[in-house]
Amino acid sequence: MIPVPKAKKDAYKKLAELSAPIFQEYGALRIMENWSETTPDGKTTDFKRAVKAEDDEAVVFSWIEWADKATCDAAAEKMQNDPRWADMGDMPFDGKRMIYAGFDPIFSTDK
């Protein structure tokens, strides 16, 4: 999850489109990018507070699906040295407020 200035939606979408083939080259099976449309304020917590989104920012919820943790870890290591990232320019969001993690699926209807 990341807060992205609403005025930079097109720049974020372009970054996602440029990044996807690189992730796939390193073994990503599926990439999902979601721009918030309805993110209601919660009573205790919510998406906007989780990333400290400001009024002019939208919350992006995305994930990358990998075959397994080993593939993900190997990709992360290789991508750190991939010069294509530098060619993409500045990120259109505040990376300090990004939430990222790894999850182990416990239920899926895909297979």
PDB file of N, CA and C in Angstrom:
ATOM      1  N   MET A   1       0.846  -1.172   0.000  1.00  0.00           N
ATOM      2  CA  MET A   1       0.000   0.000   0.000  1.00  0.00           C
ATOM      3  C   MET A   1       0.887   1.229   0.000  1.00  0.00           C
ATOM      4  N   ILE A   2       0.476   2.203  -0.786  1.00  0.00           N
ATOM      5  CA  ILE A   2       1.202   3.469  -0.825  1.00  0.00           C
ATOM      6  C   ILE A   2       0.240   4.618  -1.084  1.00  0.00           C
ATOM      7  N   PRO A   3       0.543   5.793  -0.528  1.00  0.00           N
ATOM      8  CA  PRO A   3      -0.229   6.985  -0.872  1.00  0.00           C
ATOM      9  C   PRO A   3       0.388   7.624  -2.115  1.00  0.00           C
ATOM     10  N   VAL A   4      -0.442   7.935  -3.083  1.00  0.00           N
ATOM     11  CA  VAL A   4       0.037   8.545  -4.328  1.00  0.00           C
ATOM     12  C   VAL A   4      -0.763   9.824  -4.562  1.00  0.00           C
ATOM     13  N   PRO A   5      -0.080  10.939  -4.818  1.00  0.00           N
ATOM     14  CA  PRO A   5      -0.834  12.159  -5.135  1.00  0.00           C
ATOM     15  C   PRO A   5      -1.789  11.901  -6.304  1.00  0.00           C
ATOM     16  N   LYS A   6      -3.023  12.332  -6.132  1.00  0.00           N
ATOM     17  CA  LYS A   6      -4.028  12.116  -7.174  1.00  0.00           C
ATOM     18  C   LYS A   6      -3.595  12.733  -8.502  1.00  0.00           C
ATOM     19  N   ALA A   7      -2.865  13.835  -8.432  1.00  0.00           N
ATOM     20  CA  ALA A   7      -2.389  14.509  -9.645  1.00  0.00           C
ATOM     21  C   ALA A   7      -1.320  13.691 -10.369  1.00  0.00           C
ATOM     22  N   LYS A   8      -0.783  12.672  -9.709  1.00  0.00           N
ATOM     23  CA  LYS A   8       0.274  11.855 -10.314  1.00  0.00           C
ATOM     24  C   LYS A   8      -0.221  10.460 -10.700  1.00  0.00           C
ATOM     25  N   LYS A   9      -1.531  10.310 -10.862  1.00  0.00           N
ATOM     26  CA  LYS A   9      -2.091   9.009 -11.219  1.00  0.00           C
ATOM     27  C   LYS A   9      -1.494   8.485 -12.523  1.00  0.00           C
ATOM     28  N   ASP A  10      -1.417   9.327 -13.544  1.00  0.00           N
ATOM     29  CA  ASP A  10      -0.873   8.882 -14.827  1.00  0.00           C
ATOM     30  C   ASP A  10       0.598   8.482 -14.701  1.00  0.00           C
ATOM     31  N   ALA A  11       1.364   9.237 -13.915  1.00  0.00           N
ATOM     32  CA  ALA A  11       2.782   8.906 -13.708  1.00  0.00           C
ATOM     33  C   ALA A  11       2.916   7.584 -12.966  1.00  0.00           C
ATOM     34  N   TYR A  12       2.028   7.340 -11.996  1.00  0.00           N
ATOM     35  CA  TYR A  12       2.075   6.074 -11.270  1.00  0.00           C
ATOM     36  C   TYR A  12       1.728   4.916 -12.211  1.00  0.00           C
ATOM     37  N   LYS A  13       0.688   5.119 -13.010  1.00  0.00           N
ATOM     38  CA  LYS A  13       0.284   4.064 -13.945  1.00  0.00           C
ATOM     39  C   LYS A  13       1.413   3.748 -14.920  1.00  0.00           C
ATOM     40  N   LYS A  14       2.110   4.767 -15.406  1.00  0.00           N
ATOM     41  CA  LYS A  14       3.228   4.552 -16.318  1.00  0.00           C
ATOM     42  C   LYS A  14       4.340   3.765 -15.616  1.00  0.00           C
ATOM     43  N   LEU A  15       4.650   4.123 -14.376  1.00  0.00           N
ATOM     44  CA  LEU A  15       5.663   3.398 -13.614  1.00  0.00           C
ATOM     45  C   LEU A  15       5.271   1.933 -13.458  1.00  0.00           C
ATOM     46  N   ALA A  16       4.004   1.683 -13.137  1.00  0.00           N
ATOM     47  CA  ALA A  16       3.525   0.306 -12.983  1.00  0.00           C
ATOM     48  C   ALA A  16       3.652  -0.470 -14.291  1.00  0.00           C
ATOM     49  N   GLU A  17       3.310   0.179 -15.395  1.00  0.00           N
ATOM     50  CA  GLU A  17       3.393  -0.484 -16.704  1.00  0.00           C
ATOM     51  C   GLU A  17       4.839  -0.770 -17.107  1.00  0.00           C
ATOM     52  N   LEU A  18       5.768   0.109 -16.747  1.00  0.00           N
ATOM     53  CA  LEU A  18       7.182  -0.113 -17.053  1.00  0.00           C
ATOM     54  C   LEU A  18       7.792  -1.171 -16.132  1.00  0.00           C
ATOM     55  N   SER A  19       7.313  -1.230 -14.902  1.00  0.00           N
ATOM     56  CA  SER A  19       7.849  -2.162 -13.909  1.00  0.00           C
ATOM     57  C   SER A  19       7.383  -3.594 -14.142  1.00  0.00           C
ATOM     58  N   ALA A  20       6.169  -3.769 -14.586  1.00  0.00           N
ATOM     59  CA  ALA A  20       5.577  -5.103 -14.709  1.00  0.00           C
ATOM     60  C   ALA A  20       6.435  -6.077 -15.524  1.00  0.00           C
ATOM     61  N   PRO A  21       6.931  -5.702 -16.696  1.00  0.00           N
ATOM     62  CA  PRO A  21       7.741  -6.661 -17.454  1.00  0.00           C
ATOM     63  C   PRO A  21       9.025  -7.074 -16.725  1.00  0.00           C
ATOM     64  N   ILE A  22       9.569  -6.161 -15.932  1.00  0.00           N
ATOM     65  CA  ILE A  22      10.785  -6.492 -15.177  1.00  0.00           C
ATOM     66  C   ILE A  22      10.448  -7.522 -14.101  1.00  0.00           C
ATOM     67  N   PHE A  23       9.368  -7.277 -13.364  1.00  0.00           N
ATOM     68  CA  PHE A  23       8.946  -8.252 -12.354  1.00  0.00           C
ATOM     69  C   PHE A  23       8.671  -9.612 -13.002  1.00  0.00           C
ATOM     70  N   GLN A  24       8.004  -9.600 -14.153  1.00  0.00           N
ATOM     71  CA  GLN A  24       7.695 -10.856 -14.843  1.00  0.00           C
ATOM     72  C   GLN A  24       8.963 -11.558 -15.319  1.00  0.00           C
ATOM     73  N   GLU A  25       9.929 -10.793 -15.782  1.00  0.00           N
ATOM     74  CA  GLU A  25      11.201 -11.374 -16.210  1.00  0.00           C
ATOM     75  C   GLU A  25      11.873 -12.126 -15.058  1.00  0.00           C
ATOM     76  N   TYR A  26      11.701 -11.606 -13.853  1.00  0.00           N
ATOM     77  CA  TYR A  26      12.300 -12.233 -12.678  1.00  0.00           C
ATOM     78  C   TYR A  26      11.396 -13.275 -12.023  1.00  0.00           C
ATOM     79  N   GLY A  27      10.274 -13.598 -12.666  1.00  0.00           N
ATOM     80  CA  GLY A  27       9.456 -14.713 -12.195  1.00  0.00           C
ATOM     81  C   GLY A  27       8.105 -14.386 -11.615  1.00  0.00           C
ATOM     82  N   ALA A  28       7.685 -13.130 -11.634  1.00  0.00           N
ATOM     83  CA  ALA A  28       6.356 -12.790 -11.114  1.00  0.00           C
ATOM     84  C   ALA A  28       5.282 -13.503 -11.937  1.00  0.00           C
ATOM     85  N   LEU A  29       4.329 -14.092 -11.266  1.00  0.00           N
ATOM     86  CA  LEU A  29       3.239 -14.792 -11.939  1.00  0.00           C
ATOM     87  C   LEU A  29       2.067 -13.862 -12.215  1.00  0.00           C
ATOM     88  N   ARG A  30       1.847 -12.935 -11.308  1.00  0.00           N
ATOM     89  CA  ARG A  30       0.688 -12.042 -11.409  1.00  0.00           C
ATOM     90  C   ARG A  30       1.011 -10.739 -10.702  1.00  0.00           C
ATOM     91  N   ILE A  31       0.589  -9.638 -11.297  1.00  0.00           N
ATOM     92  CA  ILE A  31       0.797  -8.318 -10.717  1.00  0.00           C
ATOM     93  C   ILE A  31      -0.552  -7.616 -10.710  1.00  0.00           C
ATOM     94  N   MET A  32      -0.907  -7.055  -9.574  1.00  0.00           N
ATOM     95  CA  MET A  32      -2.191  -6.360  -9.458  1.00  0.00           C
ATOM     96  C   MET A  32      -1.953  -4.970  -8.876  1.00  0.00           C
ATOM     97  N   GLU A  33      -2.429  -3.953  -9.564  1.00  0.00           N
ATOM     98  CA  GLU A  33      -2.349  -2.564  -9.108  1.00  0.00           C
ATOM     99  C   GLU A  33      -3.773  -2.045  -8.971  1.00  0.00           C
ATOM    100  N   ASN A  34      -4.103  -1.477  -7.823  1.00  0.00           N
ATOM    101  CA  ASN A  34      -5.463  -1.001  -7.558  1.00  0.00           C
ATOM    102  C   ASN A  34      -5.434   0.432  -7.037  1.00  0.00           C
ATOM    103  N   TRP A  35      -6.093   1.330  -7.732  1.00  0.00           N
ATOM    104  CA  TRP A  35      -6.197   2.734  -7.341  1.00  0.00           C
ATOM    105  C   TRP A  35      -7.471   2.891  -6.515  1.00  0.00           C
ATOM    106  N   SER A  36      -7.360   3.467  -5.325  1.00  0.00           N
ATOM    107  CA  SER A  36      -8.528   3.551  -4.440  1.00  0.00           C
ATOM    108  C   SER A  36      -9.650   4.372  -5.057  1.00  0.00           C
ATOM    109  N   GLU A  37     -10.818   3.832  -4.919  1.00  0.00           N
ATOM    110  CA  GLU A  37     -12.007   4.525  -5.384  1.00  0.00           C
ATOM    111  C   GLU A  37     -12.907   4.823  -4.195  1.00  0.00           C
ATOM    112  N   THR A  38     -13.062   3.818  -3.354  1.00  0.00           N
ATOM    113  CA  THR A  38     -13.850   3.976  -2.132  1.00  0.00           C
ATOM    114  C   THR A  38     -12.999   3.477  -0.970  1.00  0.00           C
ATOM    115  N   THR A  39     -12.532   4.391  -0.148  1.00  0.00           N
ATOM    116  CA  THR A  39     -11.760   4.022   1.033  1.00  0.00           C
ATOM    117  C   THR A  39     -12.340   4.797   2.219  1.00  0.00           C
ATOM    118  N   PRO A  40     -13.389   4.247   2.820  1.00  0.00           N
ATOM    119  CA  PRO A  40     -14.053   4.967   3.907  1.00  0.00           C
ATOM    120  C   PRO A  40     -13.155   5.110   5.137  1.00  0.00           C
ATOM    121  N   ASP A  41     -13.413   6.169   5.877  1.00  0.00           N
ATOM    122  CA  ASP A  41     -12.710   6.372   7.138  1.00  0.00           C
ATOM    123  C   ASP A  41     -13.218   5.356   8.153  1.00  0.00           C
ATOM    124  N   GLY A  42     -12.289   4.697   8.834  1.00  0.00           N
ATOM    125  CA  GLY A  42     -12.659   3.730   9.855  1.00  0.00           C
ATOM    126  C   GLY A  42     -12.745   4.381  11.220  1.00  0.00           C
ATOM    127  N   LYS A  43     -13.265   3.642  12.186  1.00  0.00           N
ATOM    128  CA  LYS A  43     -13.349   4.163  13.550  1.00  0.00           C
ATOM    129  C   LYS A  43     -12.046   3.942  14.307  1.00  0.00           C
ATOM    130  N   THR A  44     -11.351   2.864  14.007  1.00  0.00           N
ATOM    131  CA  THR A  44     -10.100   2.561  14.693  1.00  0.00           C
ATOM    132  C   THR A  44      -8.904   2.743  13.772  1.00  0.00           C
ATOM    133  N   THR A  45      -9.010   2.193  12.565  1.00  0.00           N
ATOM    134  CA  THR A  45      -7.953   2.340  11.565  1.00  0.00           C
ATOM    135  C   THR A  45      -8.561   2.189  10.182  1.00  0.00           C
ATOM    136  N   ASP A  46      -7.800   2.534   9.169  1.00  0.00           N
ATOM    137  CA  ASP A  46      -8.271   2.409   7.798  1.00  0.00           C
ATOM    138  C   ASP A  46      -7.076   2.512   6.855  1.00  0.00           C
ATOM    139  N   PHE A  47      -7.321   2.332   5.568  1.00  0.00           N
ATOM    140  CA  PHE A  47      -6.253   2.371   4.577  1.00  0.00           C
ATOM    141  C   PHE A  47      -5.537   3.721   4.559  1.00  0.00           C
ATOM    142  N   LYS A  48      -6.309   4.799   4.607  1.00  0.00           N
ATOM    143  CA  LYS A  48      -5.703   6.134   4.525  1.00  0.00           C
ATOM    144  C   LYS A  48      -4.792   6.410   5.714  1.00  0.00           C
ATOM    145  N   ARG A  49      -5.235   6.068   6.906  1.00  0.00           N
ATOM    146  CA  ARG A  49      -4.400   6.297   8.088  1.00  0.00           C
ATOM    147  C   ARG A  49      -3.185   5.375   8.102  1.00  0.00           C
ATOM    148  N   ALA A  50      -3.325   4.193   7.547  1.00  0.00           N
ATOM    149  CA  ALA A  50      -2.204   3.250   7.547  1.00  0.00           C
ATOM    150  C   ALA A  50      -0.987   3.811   6.814  1.00  0.00           C
ATOM    151  N   VAL A  51      -1.233   4.585   5.755  1.00  0.00           N
ATOM    152  CA  VAL A  51      -0.137   5.159   4.980  1.00  0.00           C
ATOM    153  C   VAL A  51      -0.046   6.676   5.138  1.00  0.00           C
ATOM    154  N   LYS A  52      -0.810   7.212   6.086  1.00  0.00           N
ATOM    155  CA  LYS A  52      -0.835   8.656   6.348  1.00  0.00           C
ATOM    156  C   LYS A  52      -1.152   9.450   5.085  1.00  0.00           C
ATOM    157  N   ALA A  53      -2.140   8.965   4.332  1.00  0.00           N
ATOM    158  CA  ALA A  53      -2.543   9.647   3.100  1.00  0.00           C
ATOM    159  C   ALA A  53      -3.158  11.003   3.428  1.00  0.00           C
ATOM    160  N   GLU A  54      -2.782  11.988   2.629  1.00  0.00           N
ATOM    161  CA  GLU A  54      -3.324  13.331   2.778  1.00  0.00           C
ATOM    162  C   GLU A  54      -4.516  13.497   1.848  1.00  0.00           C
ATOM    163  N   ASP A  55      -5.229  14.615   1.989  1.00  0.00           N
ATOM    164  CA  ASP A  55      -6.459  14.824   1.218  1.00  0.00           C
ATOM    165  C   ASP A  55      -6.250  14.740  -0.294  1.00  0.00           C
ATOM    166  N   ASP A  56      -5.070  15.138  -0.762  1.00  0.00           N
ATOM    167  CA  ASP A  56      -4.817  15.133  -2.208  1.00  0.00           C
ATOM    168  C   ASP A  56      -4.178  13.825  -2.685  1.00  0.00           C
ATOM    169  N   GLU A  57      -4.221  12.775  -1.847  1.00  0.00           N
ATOM    170  CA  GLU A  57      -3.602  11.503  -2.195  1.00  0.00           C
ATOM    171  C   GLU A  57      -4.630  10.374  -2.229  1.00  0.00           C
ATOM    172  N   ALA A  58      -4.379   9.428  -3.115  1.00  0.00           N
ATOM    173  CA  ALA A  58      -5.173   8.204  -3.188  1.00  0.00           C
ATOM    174  C   ALA A  58      -4.318   7.067  -2.630  1.00  0.00           C
ATOM    175  N   VAL A  59      -4.972   6.034  -2.161  1.00  0.00           N
ATOM    176  CA  VAL A  59      -4.245   4.861  -1.682  1.00  0.00           C
ATOM    177  C   VAL A  59      -4.190   3.840  -2.806  1.00  0.00           C
ATOM    178  N   VAL A  60      -2.992   3.352  -3.076  1.00  0.00           N
ATOM    179  CA  VAL A  60      -2.803   2.289  -4.053  1.00  0.00           C
ATOM    180  C   VAL A  60      -2.540   1.004  -3.284  1.00  0.00           C
ATOM    181  N   PHE A  61      -3.301  -0.016  -3.606  1.00  0.00           N
ATOM    182  CA  PHE A  61      -3.143  -1.334  -2.988  1.00  0.00           C
ATOM    183  C   PHE A  61      -2.724  -2.278  -4.103  1.00  0.00           C
ATOM    184  N   SER A  62      -1.535  -2.820  -3.997  1.00  0.00           N
ATOM    185  CA  SER A  62      -1.050  -3.686  -5.068  1.00  0.00           C
ATOM    186  C   SER A  62      -0.333  -4.886  -4.487  1.00  0.00           C
ATOM    187  N   TRP A  63      -0.157  -5.892  -5.349  1.00  0.00           N
ATOM    188  CA  TRP A  63       0.623  -7.045  -4.932  1.00  0.00           C
ATOM    189  C   TRP A  63       1.208  -7.740  -6.145  1.00  0.00           C
ATOM    190  N   ILE A  64       2.240  -8.512  -5.857  1.00  0.00           N
ATOM    191  CA  ILE A  64       2.889  -9.335  -6.871  1.00  0.00           C
ATOM    192  C   ILE A  64       2.839 -10.769  -6.374  1.00  0.00           C
ATOM    193  N   GLU A  65       2.377 -11.648  -7.232  1.00  0.00           N
ATOM    194  CA  GLU A  65       2.296 -13.063  -6.876  1.00  0.00           C
ATOM    195  C   GLU A  65       3.508 -13.785  -7.460  1.00  0.00           C
ATOM    196  N   TRP A  66       4.185 -14.549  -6.597  1.00  0.00           N
ATOM    197  CA  TRP A  66       5.365 -15.318  -6.984  1.00  0.00           C
ATOM    198  C   TRP A  66       5.073 -16.795  -6.788  1.00  0.00           C
ATOM    199  N   ALA A  67       5.799 -17.647  -7.471  1.00  0.00           N
ATOM    200  CA  ALA A  67       5.618 -19.093  -7.341  1.00  0.00           C
ATOM    201  C   ALA A  67       5.907 -19.557  -5.915  1.00  0.00           C
ATOM    202  N   ASP A  68       6.906 -18.933  -5.297  1.00  0.00           N
ATOM    203  CA  ASP A  68       7.287 -19.305  -3.932  1.00  0.00           C
ATOM    204  C   ASP A  68       8.211 -18.226  -3.373  1.00  0.00           C
ATOM    205  N   LYS A  69       8.526 -18.330  -2.093  1.00  0.00           N
ATOM    206  CA  LYS A  69       9.361 -17.337  -1.421  1.00  0.00           C
ATOM    207  C   LYS A  69      10.765 -17.307  -2.016  1.00  0.00           C
ATOM    208  N   ALA A  70      11.292 -18.462  -2.375  1.00  0.00           N
ATOM    209  CA  ALA A  70      12.641 -18.507  -2.952  1.00  0.00           C
ATOM    210  C   ALA A  70      12.720 -17.691  -4.239  1.00  0.00           C
ATOM    211  N   THR A  71      11.710 -17.787  -5.087  1.00  0.00           N
ATOM    212  CA  THR A  71      11.682 -17.020  -6.337  1.00  0.00           C
ATOM    213  C   THR A  71      11.606 -15.530  -6.039  1.00  0.00           C
ATOM    214  N   CYS A  72      10.768 -15.162  -5.090  1.00  0.00           N
ATOM    215  CA  CYS A  72      10.623 -13.762  -4.698  1.00  0.00           C
ATOM    216  C   CYS A  72      11.940 -13.217  -4.152  1.00  0.00           C
ATOM    217  N   ASP A  73      12.562 -13.958  -3.257  1.00  0.00           N
ATOM    218  CA  ASP A  73      13.829 -13.516  -2.663  1.00  0.00           C
ATOM    219  C   ASP A  73      14.917 -13.376  -3.713  1.00  0.00           C
ATOM    220  N   ALA A  74      14.995 -14.329  -4.626  1.00  0.00           N
ATOM    221  CA  ALA A  74      16.003 -14.271  -5.696  1.00  0.00           C
ATOM    222  C   ALA A  74      15.757 -13.059  -6.599  1.00  0.00           C
ATOM    223  N   ALA A  75      14.494 -12.803  -6.909  1.00  0.00           N
ATOM    224  CA  ALA A  75      14.148 -11.648  -7.746  1.00  0.00           C
ATOM    225  C   ALA A  75      14.515 -10.350  -7.048  1.00  0.00           C
ATOM    226  N   ALA A  76      14.215 -10.249  -5.774  1.00  0.00           N
ATOM    227  CA  ALA A  76      14.527  -9.026  -5.028  1.00  0.00           C
ATOM    228  C   ALA A  76      16.019  -8.742  -5.047  1.00  0.00           C
ATOM    229  N   GLU A  77      16.812  -9.769  -4.891  1.00  0.00           N
ATOM    230  CA  GLU A  77      18.264  -9.590  -4.899  1.00  0.00           C
ATOM    231  C   GLU A  77      18.755  -9.139  -6.277  1.00  0.00           C
ATOM    232  N   LYS A  78      18.262  -9.780  -7.331  1.00  0.00           N
ATOM    233  CA  LYS A  78      18.683  -9.428  -8.690  1.00  0.00           C
ATOM    234  C   LYS A  78      18.220  -8.022  -9.068  1.00  0.00           C
ATOM    235  N   MET A  79      17.010  -7.660  -8.655  1.00  0.00           N
ATOM    236  CA  MET A  79      16.461  -6.362  -9.032  1.00  0.00           C
ATOM    237  C   MET A  79      17.212  -5.205  -8.399  1.00  0.00           C
ATOM    238  N   GLN A  80      17.846  -5.433  -7.250  1.00  0.00           N
ATOM    239  CA  GLN A  80      18.607  -4.362  -6.600  1.00  0.00           C
ATOM    240  C   GLN A  80      19.725  -3.840  -7.497  1.00  0.00           C
ATOM    241  N   ASN A  81      20.231  -4.685  -8.361  1.00  0.00           N
ATOM    242  CA  ASN A  81      21.333  -4.299  -9.238  1.00  0.00           C
ATOM    243  C   ASN A  81      20.914  -4.097 -10.690  1.00  0.00           C
ATOM    244  N   ASP A  82      19.622  -4.066 -10.950  1.00  0.00           N
ATOM    245  CA  ASP A  82      19.130  -3.912 -12.312  1.00  0.00           C
ATOM    246  C   ASP A  82      19.093  -2.419 -12.657  1.00  0.00           C
ATOM    247  N   PRO A  83      19.883  -1.994 -13.648  1.00  0.00           N
ATOM    248  CA  PRO A  83      19.958  -0.568 -13.981  1.00  0.00           C
ATOM    249  C   PRO A  83      18.674   0.013 -14.573  1.00  0.00           C
ATOM    250  N   ARG A  84      17.755  -0.833 -14.985  1.00  0.00           N
ATOM    251  CA  ARG A  84      16.508  -0.320 -15.578  1.00  0.00           C
ATOM    252  C   ARG A  84      15.694   0.490 -14.583  1.00  0.00           C
ATOM    253  N   TRP A  85      15.831   0.205 -13.295  1.00  0.00           N
ATOM    254  CA  TRP A  85      15.083   0.968 -12.291  1.00  0.00           C
ATOM    255  C   TRP A  85      15.515   2.426 -12.297  1.00  0.00           C
ATOM    256  N   ALA A  86      16.808   2.668 -12.426  1.00  0.00           N
ATOM    257  CA  ALA A  86      17.316   4.045 -12.435  1.00  0.00           C
ATOM    258  C   ALA A  86      16.803   4.820 -13.643  1.00  0.00           C
ATOM    259  N   ASP A  87      16.575   4.118 -14.751  1.00  0.00           N
ATOM    260  CA  ASP A  87      16.093   4.770 -15.968  1.00  0.00           C
ATOM    261  C   ASP A  87      14.649   5.255 -15.855  1.00  0.00           C
ATOM    262  N   MET A  88      13.935   4.801 -14.837  1.00  0.00           N
ATOM    263  CA  MET A  88      12.522   5.171 -14.694  1.00  0.00           C
ATOM    264  C   MET A  88      12.326   6.520 -14.020  1.00  0.00           C
ATOM    265  N   GLY A  89      13.374   7.099 -13.464  1.00  0.00           N
ATOM    266  CA  GLY A  89      13.254   8.408 -12.831  1.00  0.00           C
ATOM    267  C   GLY A  89      12.716   8.310 -11.413  1.00  0.00           C
ATOM    268  N   ASP A  90      12.266   9.454 -10.911  1.00  0.00           N
ATOM    269  CA  ASP A  90      11.770   9.531  -9.539  1.00  0.00           C
ATOM    270  C   ASP A  90      10.427   8.819  -9.389  1.00  0.00           C
ATOM    271  N   MET A  91      10.219   8.252  -8.205  1.00  0.00           N
ATOM    272  CA  MET A  91       8.935   7.609  -7.902  1.00  0.00           C
ATOM    273  C   MET A  91       7.873   8.694  -7.727  1.00  0.00           C
ATOM    274  N   PRO A  92       6.687   8.495  -8.265  1.00  0.00           N
ATOM    275  CA  PRO A  92       5.626   9.502  -8.126  1.00  0.00           C
ATOM    276  C   PRO A  92       4.866   9.369  -6.802  1.00  0.00           C
ATOM    277  N   PHE A  93       5.536   8.899  -5.756  1.00  0.00           N
ATOM    278  CA  PHE A  93       4.920   8.726  -4.446  1.00  0.00           C
ATOM    279  C   PHE A  93       6.006   8.773  -3.376  1.00  0.00           C
ATOM    280  N   ASP A  94       5.582   8.880  -2.128  1.00  0.00           N
ATOM    281  CA  ASP A  94       6.504   8.915  -0.996  1.00  0.00           C
ATOM    282  C   ASP A  94       6.768   7.489  -0.527  1.00  0.00           C
ATOM    283  N   GLY A  95       7.915   6.949  -0.915  1.00  0.00           N
ATOM    284  CA  GLY A  95       8.257   5.578  -0.566  1.00  0.00           C
ATOM    285  C   GLY A  95       8.416   5.338   0.920  1.00  0.00           C
ATOM    286  N   LYS A  96       8.616   6.398   1.709  1.00  0.00           N
ATOM    287  CA  LYS A  96       8.755   6.246   3.162  1.00  0.00           C
ATOM    288  C   LYS A  96       7.448   5.822   3.815  1.00  0.00           C
ATOM    289  N   ARG A  97       6.337   6.053   3.121  1.00  0.00           N
ATOM    290  CA  ARG A  97       5.030   5.682   3.682  1.00  0.00           C
ATOM    291  C   ARG A  97       4.467   4.420   3.036  1.00  0.00           C
ATOM    292  N   MET A  98       5.295   3.707   2.290  1.00  0.00           N
ATOM    293  CA  MET A  98       4.863   2.467   1.657  1.00  0.00           C
ATOM    294  C   MET A  98       4.835   1.343   2.694  1.00  0.00           C
ATOM    295  N   ILE A  99       3.804   0.524   2.615  1.00  0.00           N
ATOM    296  CA  ILE A  99       3.716  -0.682   3.432  1.00  0.00           C
ATOM    297  C   ILE A  99       3.946  -1.852   2.493  1.00  0.00           C
ATOM    298  N   TYR A 100       4.917  -2.695   2.813  1.00  0.00           N
ATOM    299  CA  TYR A 100       5.162  -3.881   1.994  1.00  0.00           C
ATOM    300  C   TYR A 100       5.463  -5.052   2.912  1.00  0.00           C
ATOM    301  N   ALA A 101       5.149  -6.224   2.437  1.00  0.00           N
ATOM    302  CA  ALA A 101       5.331  -7.430   3.248  1.00  0.00           C
ATOM    303  C   ALA A 101       5.198  -8.654   2.366  1.00  0.00           C
ATOM    304  N   GLY A 102       5.491  -9.800   2.927  1.00  0.00           N
ATOM    305  CA  GLY A 102       5.286 -11.068   2.241  1.00  0.00           C
ATOM    306  C   GLY A 102       4.196 -11.849   2.958  1.00  0.00           C
ATOM    307  N   PHE A 103       3.394 -12.541   2.202  1.00  0.00           N
ATOM    308  CA  PHE A 103       2.293 -13.315   2.761  1.00  0.00           C
ATOM    309  C   PHE A 103       2.318 -14.726   2.204  1.00  0.00           C
ATOM    310  N   ASP A 104       1.891 -15.672   2.990  1.00  0.00           N
ATOM    311  CA  ASP A 104       1.772 -17.061   2.575  1.00  0.00           C
ATOM    312  C   ASP A 104       0.286 -17.356   2.401  1.00  0.00           C
ATOM    313  N   PRO A 105      -0.175 -17.655   1.173  1.00  0.00           N
ATOM    314  CA  PRO A 105      -1.602 -17.907   0.960  1.00  0.00           C
ATOM    315  C   PRO A 105      -2.097 -19.092   1.798  1.00  0.00           C
ATOM    316  N   ILE A 106      -3.251 -18.916   2.400  1.00  0.00           N
ATOM    317  CA  ILE A 106      -3.849 -20.006   3.162  1.00  0.00           C
ATOM    318  C   ILE A 106      -5.152 -20.485   2.524  1.00  0.00           C
ATOM    319  N   PHE A 107      -5.629 -19.750   1.493  1.00  0.00           N
ATOM    320  CA  PHE A 107      -6.837 -20.147   0.785  1.00  0.00           C
ATOM    321  C   PHE A 107      -6.831 -19.465  -0.576  1.00  0.00           C
ATOM    322  N   SER A 108      -7.208 -20.182  -1.608  1.00  0.00           N
ATOM    323  CA  SER A 108      -7.301 -19.621  -2.950  1.00  0.00           C
ATOM    324  C   SER A 108      -8.371 -20.380  -3.726  1.00  0.00           C
ATOM    325  N   THR A 109      -9.090 -19.659  -4.568  1.00  0.00           N
ATOM    326  CA  THR A 109     -10.096 -20.304  -5.425  1.00  0.00           C
ATOM    327  C   THR A 109      -9.577 -20.468  -6.840  1.00  0.00           C
ATOM    328  N   ASP A 110      -8.320 -20.100  -7.086  1.00  0.00           N
ATOM    329  CA  ASP A 110      -7.767 -20.133  -8.437  1.00  0.00           C
ATOM    330  C   ASP A 110      -7.542 -21.518  -8.990  1.00  0.00           C
ATOM    331  N   LYS A 111      -7.286 -22.510  -8.149  1.00  0.00           N
ATOM    332  CA  LYS A 111      -6.917 -23.842  -8.659  1.00  0.00           C
ATOM    333  C   LYS A 111      -7.756 -24.931  -8.059  1.00  0.00           C
TER     334      LYS A 111
END
